[in-house]
């Protein structure tokens, strides 16, 4: 049995968030939470919220034991890009892309 949580259109670049996500993939939930709490970046706070949501879904919807849970799958897909204009030299305009991402976490119970 497994439970999942998804956060869509989160305002963080997928490349930056994947660096944090790679640290918790396959770990126990308690260990993953302690890793995320000790990191000092924006993506760790967002991933921590999604992980808490996945654990709550597992406990409440599927009656799974929190102590036996581990991060089965964790991945980040790119979301829509907000394209903004910034002024460039010689009267030209450049682009300033505001990237978003979708955070997916699946937790499961160890046998």
PDB file of N, CA and C in Angstrom:
ATOM      1  N   UNK A   1       0.853  -1.179   0.000  1.00  0.00           N
ATOM      2  CA  UNK A   1       0.000   0.000   0.000  1.00  0.00           C
ATOM      3  C   UNK A   1       0.896   1.238   0.000  1.00  0.00           C
ATOM      4  N   UNK A   2       0.474   2.230  -0.753  1.00  0.00           N
ATOM      5  CA  UNK A   2       1.266   3.460  -0.853  1.00  0.00           C
ATOM      6  C   UNK A   2       0.344   4.665  -0.916  1.00  0.00           C
ATOM      7  N   UNK A   3       0.884   5.808  -0.557  1.00  0.00           N
ATOM      8  CA  UNK A   3       0.149   7.070  -0.608  1.00  0.00           C
ATOM      9  C   UNK A   3       1.025   8.104  -1.285  1.00  0.00           C
ATOM     10  N   UNK A   4       0.373   9.079  -1.931  1.00  0.00           N
ATOM     11  CA  UNK A   4       1.154  10.079  -2.648  1.00  0.00           C
ATOM     12  C   UNK A   4       0.619  11.469  -2.404  1.00  0.00           C
ATOM     13  N   UNK A   5       1.476  12.440  -2.680  1.00  0.00           N
ATOM     14  CA  UNK A   5       1.104  13.846  -2.587  1.00  0.00           C
ATOM     15  C   UNK A   5       1.795  14.586  -3.715  1.00  0.00           C
ATOM     16  N   UNK A   6       1.093  15.578  -4.268  1.00  0.00           N
ATOM     17  CA  UNK A   6       1.610  16.342  -5.394  1.00  0.00           C
ATOM     18  C   UNK A   6       1.405  17.832  -5.106  1.00  0.00           C
ATOM     19  N   UNK A   7       2.434  18.615  -5.377  1.00  0.00           N
ATOM     20  CA  UNK A   7       2.307  20.073  -5.342  1.00  0.00           C
ATOM     21  C   UNK A   7       2.598  20.568  -6.750  1.00  0.00           C
ATOM     22  N   UNK A   8       1.634  21.262  -7.345  1.00  0.00           N
ATOM     23  CA  UNK A   8       1.793  21.717  -8.720  1.00  0.00           C
ATOM     24  C   UNK A   8       2.077  23.206  -8.776  1.00  0.00           C
ATOM     25  N   UNK A   9       2.786  23.594  -9.806  1.00  0.00           N
ATOM     26  CA  UNK A   9       3.115  24.993 -10.088  1.00  0.00           C
ATOM     27  C   UNK A   9       3.804  25.682  -8.916  1.00  0.00           C
ATOM     28  N   UNK A  10       4.754  24.979  -8.308  1.00  0.00           N
ATOM     29  CA  UNK A  10       5.523  25.536  -7.203  1.00  0.00           C
ATOM     30  C   UNK A  10       6.592  26.442  -7.789  1.00  0.00           C
ATOM     31  N   UNK A  11       6.776  27.603  -7.194  1.00  0.00           N
ATOM     32  CA  UNK A  11       7.634  28.643  -7.764  1.00  0.00           C
ATOM     33  C   UNK A  11       9.102  28.416  -7.407  1.00  0.00           C
ATOM     34  N   UNK A  12       9.662  27.318  -7.935  1.00  0.00           N
ATOM     35  CA  UNK A  12      11.079  27.024  -7.778  1.00  0.00           C
ATOM     36  C   UNK A  12      11.530  26.275  -9.028  1.00  0.00           C
ATOM     37  N   UNK A  13      12.761  26.486  -9.430  1.00  0.00           N
ATOM     38  CA  UNK A  13      13.283  25.828 -10.617  1.00  0.00           C
ATOM     39  C   UNK A  13      13.424  24.328 -10.362  1.00  0.00           C
ATOM     40  N   UNK A  14      13.074  23.528 -11.350  1.00  0.00           N
ATOM     41  CA  UNK A  14      13.136  22.077 -11.205  1.00  0.00           C
ATOM     42  C   UNK A  14      14.573  21.599 -11.034  1.00  0.00           C
ATOM     43  N   UNK A  15      15.522  22.236 -11.696  1.00  0.00           N
ATOM     44  CA  UNK A  15      16.928  21.835 -11.576  1.00  0.00           C
ATOM     45  C   UNK A  15      17.448  22.039 -10.156  1.00  0.00           C
ATOM     46  N   UNK A  16      17.098  23.152  -9.533  1.00  0.00           N
ATOM     47  CA  UNK A  16      17.547  23.422  -8.173  1.00  0.00           C
ATOM     48  C   UNK A  16      16.871  22.483  -7.178  1.00  0.00           C
ATOM     49  N   UNK A  17      15.590  22.195  -7.398  1.00  0.00           N
ATOM     50  CA  UNK A  17      14.857  21.340  -6.466  1.00  0.00           C
ATOM     51  C   UNK A  17      15.283  19.880  -6.584  1.00  0.00           C
ATOM     52  N   UNK A  18      15.718  19.452  -7.763  1.00  0.00           N
ATOM     53  CA  UNK A  18      16.152  18.057  -7.935  1.00  0.00           C
ATOM     54  C   UNK A  18      17.389  17.743  -7.108  1.00  0.00           C
ATOM     55  N   UNK A  19      18.247  18.724  -6.894  1.00  0.00           N
ATOM     56  CA  UNK A  19      19.429  18.515  -6.060  1.00  0.00           C
ATOM     57  C   UNK A  19      19.028  18.119  -4.645  1.00  0.00           C
ATOM     58  N   UNK A  20      17.989  18.751  -4.125  1.00  0.00           N
ATOM     59  CA  UNK A  20      17.499  18.418  -2.792  1.00  0.00           C
ATOM     60  C   UNK A  20      16.742  17.102  -2.797  1.00  0.00           C
ATOM     61  N   UNK A  21      15.952  16.864  -3.837  1.00  0.00           N
ATOM     62  CA  UNK A  21      15.138  15.655  -3.905  1.00  0.00           C
ATOM     63  C   UNK A  21      15.996  14.399  -3.966  1.00  0.00           C
ATOM     64  N   UNK A  22      17.168  14.483  -4.614  1.00  0.00           N
ATOM     65  CA  UNK A  22      18.042  13.321  -4.716  1.00  0.00           C
ATOM     66  C   UNK A  22      18.569  12.870  -3.355  1.00  0.00           C
ATOM     67  N   UNK A  23      18.594  13.757  -2.373  1.00  0.00           N
ATOM     68  CA  UNK A  23      19.098  13.408  -1.048  1.00  0.00           C
ATOM     69  C   UNK A  23      18.134  12.527  -0.254  1.00  0.00           C
ATOM     70  N   UNK A  24      16.824  12.618  -0.527  1.00  0.00           N
ATOM     71  CA  UNK A  24      15.855  11.901   0.307  1.00  0.00           C
ATOM     72  C   UNK A  24      15.261  10.669  -0.364  1.00  0.00           C
ATOM     73  N   UNK A  25      15.521  10.471  -1.639  1.00  0.00           N
ATOM     74  CA  UNK A  25      14.912   9.348  -2.364  1.00  0.00           C
ATOM     75  C   UNK A  25      15.354   8.015  -1.766  1.00  0.00           C
ATOM     76  N   UNK A  26      14.381   7.159  -1.387  1.00  0.00           N
ATOM     77  CA  UNK A  26      14.671   5.827  -0.853  1.00  0.00           C
ATOM     78  C   UNK A  26      14.918   5.783   0.643  1.00  0.00           C
ATOM     79  N   UNK A  27      14.897   6.904   1.330  1.00  0.00           N
ATOM     80  CA  UNK A  27      15.185   6.930   2.766  1.00  0.00           C
ATOM     81  C   UNK A  27      13.908   6.758   3.595  1.00  0.00           C
ATOM     82  N   UNK A  28      14.076   6.439   4.885  1.00  0.00           N
ATOM     83  CA  UNK A  28      12.940   6.417   5.797  1.00  0.00           C
ATOM     84  C   UNK A  28      12.375   7.827   5.935  1.00  0.00           C
ATOM     85  N   UNK A  29      11.112   7.912   6.303  1.00  0.00           N
ATOM     86  CA  UNK A  29      10.453   9.217   6.382  1.00  0.00           C
ATOM     87  C   UNK A  29      11.102  10.087   7.460  1.00  0.00           C
ATOM     88  N   UNK A  30      11.423   9.500   8.627  1.00  0.00           N
ATOM     89  CA  UNK A  30      12.041  10.298   9.694  1.00  0.00           C
ATOM     90  C   UNK A  30      13.402  10.824   9.275  1.00  0.00           C
ATOM     91  N   UNK A  31      14.182   9.994   8.607  1.00  0.00           N
ATOM     92  CA  UNK A  31      15.498  10.410   8.144  1.00  0.00           C
ATOM     93  C   UNK A  31      15.381  11.501   7.076  1.00  0.00           C
ATOM     94  N   UNK A  32      14.417  11.336   6.171  1.00  0.00           N
ATOM     95  CA  UNK A  32      14.205  12.332   5.121  1.00  0.00           C
ATOM     96  C   UNK A  32      13.775  13.670   5.719  1.00  0.00           C
ATOM     97  N   UNK A  33      12.917  13.619   6.740  1.00  0.00           N
ATOM     98  CA  UNK A  33      12.469  14.859   7.386  1.00  0.00           C
ATOM     99  C   UNK A  33      13.631  15.574   8.064  1.00  0.00           C
ATOM    100  N   UNK A  34      14.507  14.823   8.723  1.00  0.00           N
ATOM    101  CA  UNK A  34      15.632  15.459   9.399  1.00  0.00           C
ATOM    102  C   UNK A  34      16.615  16.057   8.384  1.00  0.00           C
ATOM    103  N   UNK A  35      16.793  15.396   7.239  1.00  0.00           N
ATOM    104  CA  UNK A  35      17.652  15.955   6.188  1.00  0.00           C
ATOM    105  C   UNK A  35      17.076  17.276   5.683  1.00  0.00           C
ATOM    106  N   UNK A  36      15.768  17.292   5.430  1.00  0.00           N
ATOM    107  CA  UNK A  36      15.134  18.494   4.891  1.00  0.00           C
ATOM    108  C   UNK A  36      15.131  19.643   5.903  1.00  0.00           C
ATOM    109  N   UNK A  37      14.976  19.321   7.189  1.00  0.00           N
ATOM    110  CA  UNK A  37      14.967  20.370   8.203  1.00  0.00           C
ATOM    111  C   UNK A  37      16.342  21.029   8.353  1.00  0.00           C
ATOM    112  N   UNK A  38      17.412  20.279   8.083  1.00  0.00           N
ATOM    113  CA  UNK A  38      18.757  20.821   8.248  1.00  0.00           C
ATOM    114  C   UNK A  38      19.297  21.525   7.006  1.00  0.00           C
ATOM    115  N   UNK A  39      18.594  21.436   5.888  1.00  0.00           N
ATOM    116  CA  UNK A  39      19.028  22.152   4.689  1.00  0.00           C
ATOM    117  C   UNK A  39      18.478  23.569   4.718  1.00  0.00           C
ATOM    118  N   UNK A  40      19.260  24.488   4.173  1.00  0.00           N
ATOM    119  CA  UNK A  40      18.857  25.887   4.208  1.00  0.00           C
ATOM    120  C   UNK A  40      18.628  26.397   2.792  1.00  0.00           C
ATOM    121  N   UNK A  41      17.586  25.885   2.131  1.00  0.00           N
ATOM    122  CA  UNK A  41      17.214  26.432   0.827  1.00  0.00           C
ATOM    123  C   UNK A  41      15.700  26.379   0.652  1.00  0.00           C
ATOM    124  N   UNK A  42      15.230  27.092  -0.325  1.00  0.00           N
ATOM    125  CA  UNK A  42      13.793  27.222  -0.541  1.00  0.00           C
ATOM    126  C   UNK A  42      13.154  25.891  -0.901  1.00  0.00           C
ATOM    127  N   UNK A  43      13.825  25.113  -1.744  1.00  0.00           N
ATOM    128  CA  UNK A  43      13.230  23.862  -2.203  1.00  0.00           C
ATOM    129  C   UNK A  43      13.065  22.851  -1.072  1.00  0.00           C
ATOM    130  N   UNK A  44      13.942  22.876  -0.071  1.00  0.00           N
ATOM    131  CA  UNK A  44      13.808  21.923   1.031  1.00  0.00           C
ATOM    132  C   UNK A  44      12.532  22.183   1.832  1.00  0.00           C
ATOM    133  N   UNK A  45      12.172  23.448   2.004  1.00  0.00           N
ATOM    134  CA  UNK A  45      10.935  23.780   2.732  1.00  0.00           C
ATOM    135  C   UNK A  45       9.710  23.299   1.953  1.00  0.00           C
ATOM    136  N   UNK A  46       9.733  23.474   0.621  1.00  0.00           N
ATOM    137  CA  UNK A  46       8.601  23.069  -0.204  1.00  0.00           C
ATOM    138  C   UNK A  46       8.479  21.547  -0.253  1.00  0.00           C
ATOM    139  N   UNK A  47       9.600  20.856  -0.385  1.00  0.00           N
ATOM    140  CA  UNK A  47       9.582  19.393  -0.432  1.00  0.00           C
ATOM    141  C   UNK A  47       9.136  18.829   0.913  1.00  0.00           C
ATOM    142  N   UNK A  48       9.531  19.484   1.998  1.00  0.00           N
ATOM    143  CA  UNK A  48       9.121  19.035   3.332  1.00  0.00           C
ATOM    144  C   UNK A  48       7.600  19.095   3.501  1.00  0.00           C
ATOM    145  N   UNK A  49       6.985  20.152   2.977  1.00  0.00           N
ATOM    146  CA  UNK A  49       5.527  20.275   3.054  1.00  0.00           C
ATOM    147  C   UNK A  49       4.831  19.136   2.295  1.00  0.00           C
ATOM    148  N   UNK A  50       5.362  18.806   1.112  1.00  0.00           N
ATOM    149  CA  UNK A  50       4.757  17.740   0.312  1.00  0.00           C
ATOM    150  C   UNK A  50       4.965  16.388   0.990  1.00  0.00           C
ATOM    151  N   UNK A  51       6.129  16.176   1.595  1.00  0.00           N
ATOM    152  CA  UNK A  51       6.397  14.926   2.299  1.00  0.00           C
ATOM    153  C   UNK A  51       5.467  14.768   3.500  1.00  0.00           C
ATOM    154  N   UNK A  52       5.242  15.845   4.250  1.00  0.00           N
ATOM    155  CA  UNK A  52       4.302  15.800   5.377  1.00  0.00           C
ATOM    156  C   UNK A  52       2.897  15.463   4.897  1.00  0.00           C
ATOM    157  N   UNK A  53       2.519  16.007   3.762  1.00  0.00           N
ATOM    158  CA  UNK A  53       1.204  15.730   3.200  1.00  0.00           C
ATOM    159  C   UNK A  53       1.071  14.270   2.780  1.00  0.00           C
ATOM    160  N   UNK A  54       2.120  13.710   2.188  1.00  0.00           N
ATOM    161  CA  UNK A  54       2.090  12.307   1.779  1.00  0.00           C
ATOM    162  C   UNK A  54       1.997  11.380   2.988  1.00  0.00           C
ATOM    163  N   UNK A  55       2.715  11.715   4.055  1.00  0.00           N
ATOM    164  CA  UNK A  55       2.658  10.915   5.282  1.00  0.00           C
ATOM    165  C   UNK A  55       1.264  10.997   5.905  1.00  0.00           C
ATOM    166  N   UNK A  56       0.677  12.187   5.912  1.00  0.00           N
ATOM    167  CA  UNK A  56      -0.677  12.353   6.451  1.00  0.00           C
ATOM    168  C   UNK A  56      -1.696  11.577   5.625  1.00  0.00           C
ATOM    169  N   UNK A  57      -1.520  11.570   4.301  1.00  0.00           N
ATOM    170  CA  UNK A  57      -2.416  10.782   3.448  1.00  0.00           C
ATOM    171  C   UNK A  57      -2.288   9.300   3.754  1.00  0.00           C
ATOM    172  N   UNK A  58      -1.070   8.830   3.995  1.00  0.00           N
ATOM    173  CA  UNK A  58      -0.856   7.417   4.293  1.00  0.00           C
ATOM    174  C   UNK A  58      -1.493   7.035   5.623  1.00  0.00           C
ATOM    175  N   UNK A  59      -1.353   7.911   6.628  1.00  0.00           N
ATOM    176  CA  UNK A  59      -1.911   7.610   7.944  1.00  0.00           C
ATOM    177  C   UNK A  59      -3.435   7.660   7.944  1.00  0.00           C
ATOM    178  N   UNK A  60      -4.005   8.703   7.355  1.00  0.00           N
ATOM    179  CA  UNK A  60      -5.444   8.924   7.456  1.00  0.00           C
ATOM    180  C   UNK A  60      -6.260   8.144   6.433  1.00  0.00           C
ATOM    181  N   UNK A  61      -5.760   8.058   5.206  1.00  0.00           N
ATOM    182  CA  UNK A  61      -6.553   7.413   4.159  1.00  0.00           C
ATOM    183  C   UNK A  61      -6.336   5.914   4.076  1.00  0.00           C
ATOM    184  N   UNK A  62      -5.104   5.452   4.364  1.00  0.00           N
ATOM    185  CA  UNK A  62      -4.778   4.037   4.176  1.00  0.00           C
ATOM    186  C   UNK A  62      -4.424   3.328   5.475  1.00  0.00           C
ATOM    187  N   UNK A  63      -4.470   4.038   6.619  1.00  0.00           N
ATOM    188  CA  UNK A  63      -4.195   3.465   7.945  1.00  0.00           C
ATOM    189  C   UNK A  63      -2.819   2.789   8.008  1.00  0.00           C
ATOM    190  N   UNK A  64      -1.800   3.438   7.439  1.00  0.00           N
ATOM    191  CA  UNK A  64      -0.447   2.900   7.472  1.00  0.00           C
ATOM    192  C   UNK A  64       0.289   3.425   8.708  1.00  0.00           C
ATOM    193  N   UNK A  65       1.283   2.663   9.160  1.00  0.00           N
ATOM    194  CA  UNK A  65       2.071   3.038  10.328  1.00  0.00           C
ATOM    195  C   UNK A  65       3.175   4.011   9.916  1.00  0.00           C
ATOM    196  N   UNK A  66       3.241   5.153  10.597  1.00  0.00           N
ATOM    197  CA  UNK A  66       4.208   6.188  10.234  1.00  0.00           C
ATOM    198  C   UNK A  66       5.650   5.718  10.417  1.00  0.00           C
ATOM    199  N   UNK A  67       5.900   4.864  11.387  1.00  0.00           N
ATOM    200  CA  UNK A  67       7.265   4.423  11.676  1.00  0.00           C
ATOM    201  C   UNK A  67       7.810   3.476  10.609  1.00  0.00           C
ATOM    202  N   UNK A  68       6.931   2.852   9.832  1.00  0.00           N
ATOM    203  CA  UNK A  68       7.367   1.908   8.801  1.00  0.00           C
ATOM    204  C   UNK A  68       7.424   2.529   7.407  1.00  0.00           C
ATOM    205  N   UNK A  69       7.111   3.807   7.277  1.00  0.00           N
ATOM    206  CA  UNK A  69       7.048   4.445   5.959  1.00  0.00           C
ATOM    207  C   UNK A  69       8.432   4.830   5.451  1.00  0.00           C
ATOM    208  N   UNK A  70       8.596   4.757   4.138  1.00  0.00           N
ATOM    209  CA  UNK A  70       9.807   5.229   3.480  1.00  0.00           C
ATOM    210  C   UNK A  70       9.415   5.915   2.174  1.00  0.00           C
ATOM    211  N   UNK A  71      10.338   6.700   1.630  1.00  0.00           N
ATOM    212  CA  UNK A  71      10.084   7.438   0.390  1.00  0.00           C
ATOM    213  C   UNK A  71      10.326   6.489  -0.778  1.00  0.00           C
ATOM    214  N   UNK A  72       9.245   5.999  -1.365  1.00  0.00           N
ATOM    215  CA  UNK A  72       9.358   5.030  -2.458  1.00  0.00           C
ATOM    216  C   UNK A  72       9.769   5.715  -3.752  1.00  0.00           C
ATOM    217  N   UNK A  73       9.046   6.775  -4.123  1.00  0.00           N
ATOM    218  CA  UNK A  73       9.356   7.539  -5.335  1.00  0.00           C
ATOM    219  C   UNK A  73       9.329   9.022  -4.985  1.00  0.00           C
ATOM    220  N   UNK A  74      10.238   9.755  -5.568  1.00  0.00           N
ATOM    221  CA  UNK A  74      10.272  11.202  -5.390  1.00  0.00           C
ATOM    222  C   UNK A  74      10.859  11.806  -6.655  1.00  0.00           C
ATOM    223  N   UNK A  75      10.061  12.607  -7.332  1.00  0.00           N
ATOM    224  CA  UNK A  75      10.556  13.211  -8.561  1.00  0.00           C
ATOM    225  C   UNK A  75       9.931  14.581  -8.760  1.00  0.00           C
ATOM    226  N   UNK A  76      10.612  15.372  -9.579  1.00  0.00           N
ATOM    227  CA  UNK A  76      10.178  16.740  -9.852  1.00  0.00           C
ATOM    228  C   UNK A  76      10.123  16.940 -11.354  1.00  0.00           C
ATOM    229  N   UNK A  77       8.967  17.344 -11.841  1.00  0.00           N
ATOM    230  CA  UNK A  77       8.793  17.649 -13.255  1.00  0.00           C
ATOM    231  C   UNK A  77       8.738  19.167 -13.435  1.00  0.00           C
ATOM    232  N   UNK A  78       9.081  19.605 -14.628  1.00  0.00           N
ATOM    233  CA  UNK A  78       9.017  21.031 -14.908  1.00  0.00           C
ATOM    234  C   UNK A  78       7.571  21.455 -15.130  1.00  0.00           C
ATOM    235  N   UNK A  79       7.226  22.602 -14.583  1.00  0.00           N
ATOM    236  CA  UNK A  79       5.898  23.159 -14.761  1.00  0.00           C
ATOM    237  C   UNK A  79       5.923  24.237 -15.824  1.00  0.00           C
ATOM    238  N   UNK A  80       4.859  25.019 -15.911  1.00  0.00           N
ATOM    239  CA  UNK A  80       4.829  26.108 -16.890  1.00  0.00           C
ATOM    240  C   UNK A  80       5.842  27.195 -16.545  1.00  0.00           C
ATOM    241  N   UNK A  81       6.315  27.876 -17.574  1.00  0.00           N
ATOM    242  CA  UNK A  81       7.304  28.942 -17.406  1.00  0.00           C
ATOM    243  C   UNK A  81       6.616  30.284 -17.609  1.00  0.00           C
ATOM    244  N   UNK A  82       6.772  31.174 -16.636  1.00  0.00           N
ATOM    245  CA  UNK A  82       6.238  32.524 -16.779  1.00  0.00           C
ATOM    246  C   UNK A  82       7.313  33.368 -17.448  1.00  0.00           C
ATOM    247  N   UNK A  83       7.016  33.865 -18.626  1.00  0.00           N
ATOM    248  CA  UNK A  83       7.994  34.622 -19.388  1.00  0.00           C
ATOM    249  C   UNK A  83       7.806  36.110 -19.104  1.00  0.00           C
ATOM    250  N   UNK A  84       8.868  36.742 -18.633  1.00  0.00           N
ATOM    251  CA  UNK A  84       8.833  38.155 -18.304  1.00  0.00           C
ATOM    252  C   UNK A  84       9.841  38.898 -19.165  1.00  0.00           C
ATOM    253  N   UNK A  85       9.581  40.167 -19.401  1.00  0.00           N
ATOM    254  CA  UNK A  85      10.446  41.001 -20.224  1.00  0.00           C
ATOM    255  C   UNK A  85      11.365  41.798 -19.315  1.00  0.00           C
ATOM    256  N   UNK A  86      12.635  41.854 -19.684  1.00  0.00           N
ATOM    257  CA  UNK A  86      13.566  42.749 -18.985  1.00  0.00           C
ATOM    258  C   UNK A  86      14.282  43.590 -20.031  1.00  0.00           C
ATOM    259  N   UNK A  87      14.576  44.784 -19.689  1.00  0.00           N
ATOM    260  CA  UNK A  87      15.242  45.685 -20.618  1.00  0.00           C
ATOM    261  C   UNK A  87      16.693  45.274 -20.774  1.00  0.00           C
ATOM    262  N   UNK A  88      17.174  45.359 -21.994  1.00  0.00           N
ATOM    263  CA  UNK A  88      18.538  44.980 -22.326  1.00  0.00           C
ATOM    264  C   UNK A  88      19.254  46.223 -22.868  1.00  0.00           C
ATOM    265  N   UNK A  89      20.480  46.055 -23.236  1.00  0.00           N
ATOM    266  CA  UNK A  89      21.243  47.210 -23.716  1.00  0.00           C
ATOM    267  C   UNK A  89      20.781  47.629 -25.116  1.00  0.00           C
ATOM    268  N   UNK A  90      21.069  48.859 -25.465  1.00  0.00           N
ATOM    269  CA  UNK A  90      20.779  49.443 -26.773  1.00  0.00           C
ATOM    270  C   UNK A  90      19.292  49.393 -27.138  1.00  0.00           C
ATOM    271  N   UNK A  91      18.410  49.460 -26.135  1.00  0.00           N
ATOM    272  CA  UNK A  91      16.978  49.520 -26.415  1.00  0.00           C
ATOM    273  C   UNK A  91      16.335  48.181 -26.710  1.00  0.00           C
ATOM    274  N   UNK A  92      17.087  47.104 -26.640  1.00  0.00           N
ATOM    275  CA  UNK A  92      16.515  45.785 -26.895  1.00  0.00           C
ATOM    276  C   UNK A  92      15.838  45.255 -25.636  1.00  0.00           C
ATOM    277  N   UNK A  93      15.018  44.223 -25.825  1.00  0.00           N
ATOM    278  CA  UNK A  93      14.397  43.568 -24.677  1.00  0.00           C
ATOM    279  C   UNK A  93      14.895  42.128 -24.603  1.00  0.00           C
ATOM    280  N   UNK A  94      15.113  41.664 -23.383  1.00  0.00           N
ATOM    281  CA  UNK A  94      15.515  40.283 -23.157  1.00  0.00           C
ATOM    282  C   UNK A  94      14.401  39.546 -22.436  1.00  0.00           C
ATOM    283  N   UNK A  95      14.640  38.280 -22.159  1.00  0.00           N
ATOM    284  CA  UNK A  95      13.630  37.496 -21.454  1.00  0.00           C
ATOM    285  C   UNK A  95      14.135  37.092 -20.083  1.00  0.00           C
ATOM    286  N   UNK A  96      13.248  37.127 -19.134  1.00  0.00           N
ATOM    287  CA  UNK A  96      13.547  36.672 -17.784  1.00  0.00           C
ATOM    288  C   UNK A  96      12.527  35.593 -17.462  1.00  0.00           C
ATOM    289  N   UNK A  97      12.936  34.324 -17.507  1.00  0.00           N
ATOM    290  CA  UNK A  97      12.008  33.212 -17.309  1.00  0.00           C
ATOM    291  C   UNK A  97      11.857  32.900 -15.826  1.00  0.00           C
ATOM    292  N   UNK A  98      10.607  32.869 -15.370  1.00  0.00           N
ATOM    293  CA  UNK A  98      10.295  32.479 -13.994  1.00  0.00           C
ATOM    294  C   UNK A  98       9.800  31.034 -14.062  1.00  0.00           C
ATOM    295  N   UNK A  99      10.648  30.105 -13.648  1.00  0.00           N
ATOM    296  CA  UNK A  99      10.339  28.685 -13.806  1.00  0.00           C
ATOM    297  C   UNK A  99       9.526  28.155 -12.633  1.00  0.00           C
ATOM    298  N   UNK A 100       8.661  27.173 -12.923  1.00  0.00           N
ATOM    299  CA  UNK A 100       7.882  26.493 -11.896  1.00  0.00           C
ATOM    300  C   UNK A 100       8.113  24.990 -12.026  1.00  0.00           C
ATOM    301  N   UNK A 101       7.651  24.246 -11.028  1.00  0.00           N
ATOM    302  CA  UNK A 101       7.835  22.799 -11.071  1.00  0.00           C
ATOM    303  C   UNK A 101       6.697  22.102 -10.332  1.00  0.00           C
ATOM    304  N   UNK A 102       6.549  20.812 -10.617  1.00  0.00           N
ATOM    305  CA  UNK A 102       5.569  19.949  -9.955  1.00  0.00           C
ATOM    306  C   UNK A 102       6.341  18.956  -9.098  1.00  0.00           C
ATOM    307  N   UNK A 103       6.032  18.915  -7.790  1.00  0.00           N
ATOM    308  CA  UNK A 103       6.734  18.026  -6.859  1.00  0.00           C
ATOM    309  C   UNK A 103       5.834  16.825  -6.574  1.00  0.00           C
ATOM    310  N   UNK A 104       6.341  15.610  -6.810  1.00  0.00           N
ATOM    311  CA  UNK A 104       5.603  14.366  -6.581  1.00  0.00           C
ATOM    312  C   UNK A 104       6.367  13.491  -5.588  1.00  0.00           C
ATOM    313  N   UNK A 105       5.687  13.058  -4.534  1.00  0.00           N
ATOM    314  CA  UNK A 105       6.298  12.153  -3.560  1.00  0.00           C
ATOM    315  C   UNK A 105       5.335  11.006  -3.281  1.00  0.00           C
ATOM    316  N   UNK A 106       5.851   9.776  -3.334  1.00  0.00           N
ATOM    317  CA  UNK A 106       5.071   8.578  -3.018  1.00  0.00           C
ATOM    318  C   UNK A 106       5.763   7.874  -1.854  1.00  0.00           C
ATOM    319  N   UNK A 107       5.012   7.643  -0.775  1.00  0.00           N
ATOM    320  CA  UNK A 107       5.543   6.910   0.368  1.00  0.00           C
ATOM    321  C   UNK A 107       4.855   5.560   0.443  1.00  0.00           C
ATOM    322  N   UNK A 108       5.586   4.548   0.914  1.00  0.00           N
ATOM    323  CA  UNK A 108       5.050   3.200   1.037  1.00  0.00           C
ATOM    324  C   UNK A 108       5.531   2.596   2.353  1.00  0.00           C
ATOM    325  N   UNK A 109       4.906   1.496   2.740  1.00  0.00           N
ATOM    326  CA  UNK A 109       5.243   0.821   3.972  1.00  0.00           C
ATOM    327  C   UNK A 109       6.236  -0.297   3.701  1.00  0.00           C
ATOM    328  N   UNK A 110       7.262  -0.386   4.556  1.00  0.00           N
ATOM    329  CA  UNK A 110       8.232  -1.468   4.408  1.00  0.00           C
ATOM    330  C   UNK A 110       7.623  -2.775   4.903  1.00  0.00           C
ATOM    331  N   UNK A 111       8.003  -3.872   4.291  1.00  0.00           N
ATOM    332  CA  UNK A 111       7.470  -5.174   4.706  1.00  0.00           C
ATOM    333  C   UNK A 111       8.166  -5.684   5.960  1.00  0.00           C
TER     334      UNK A 111
END
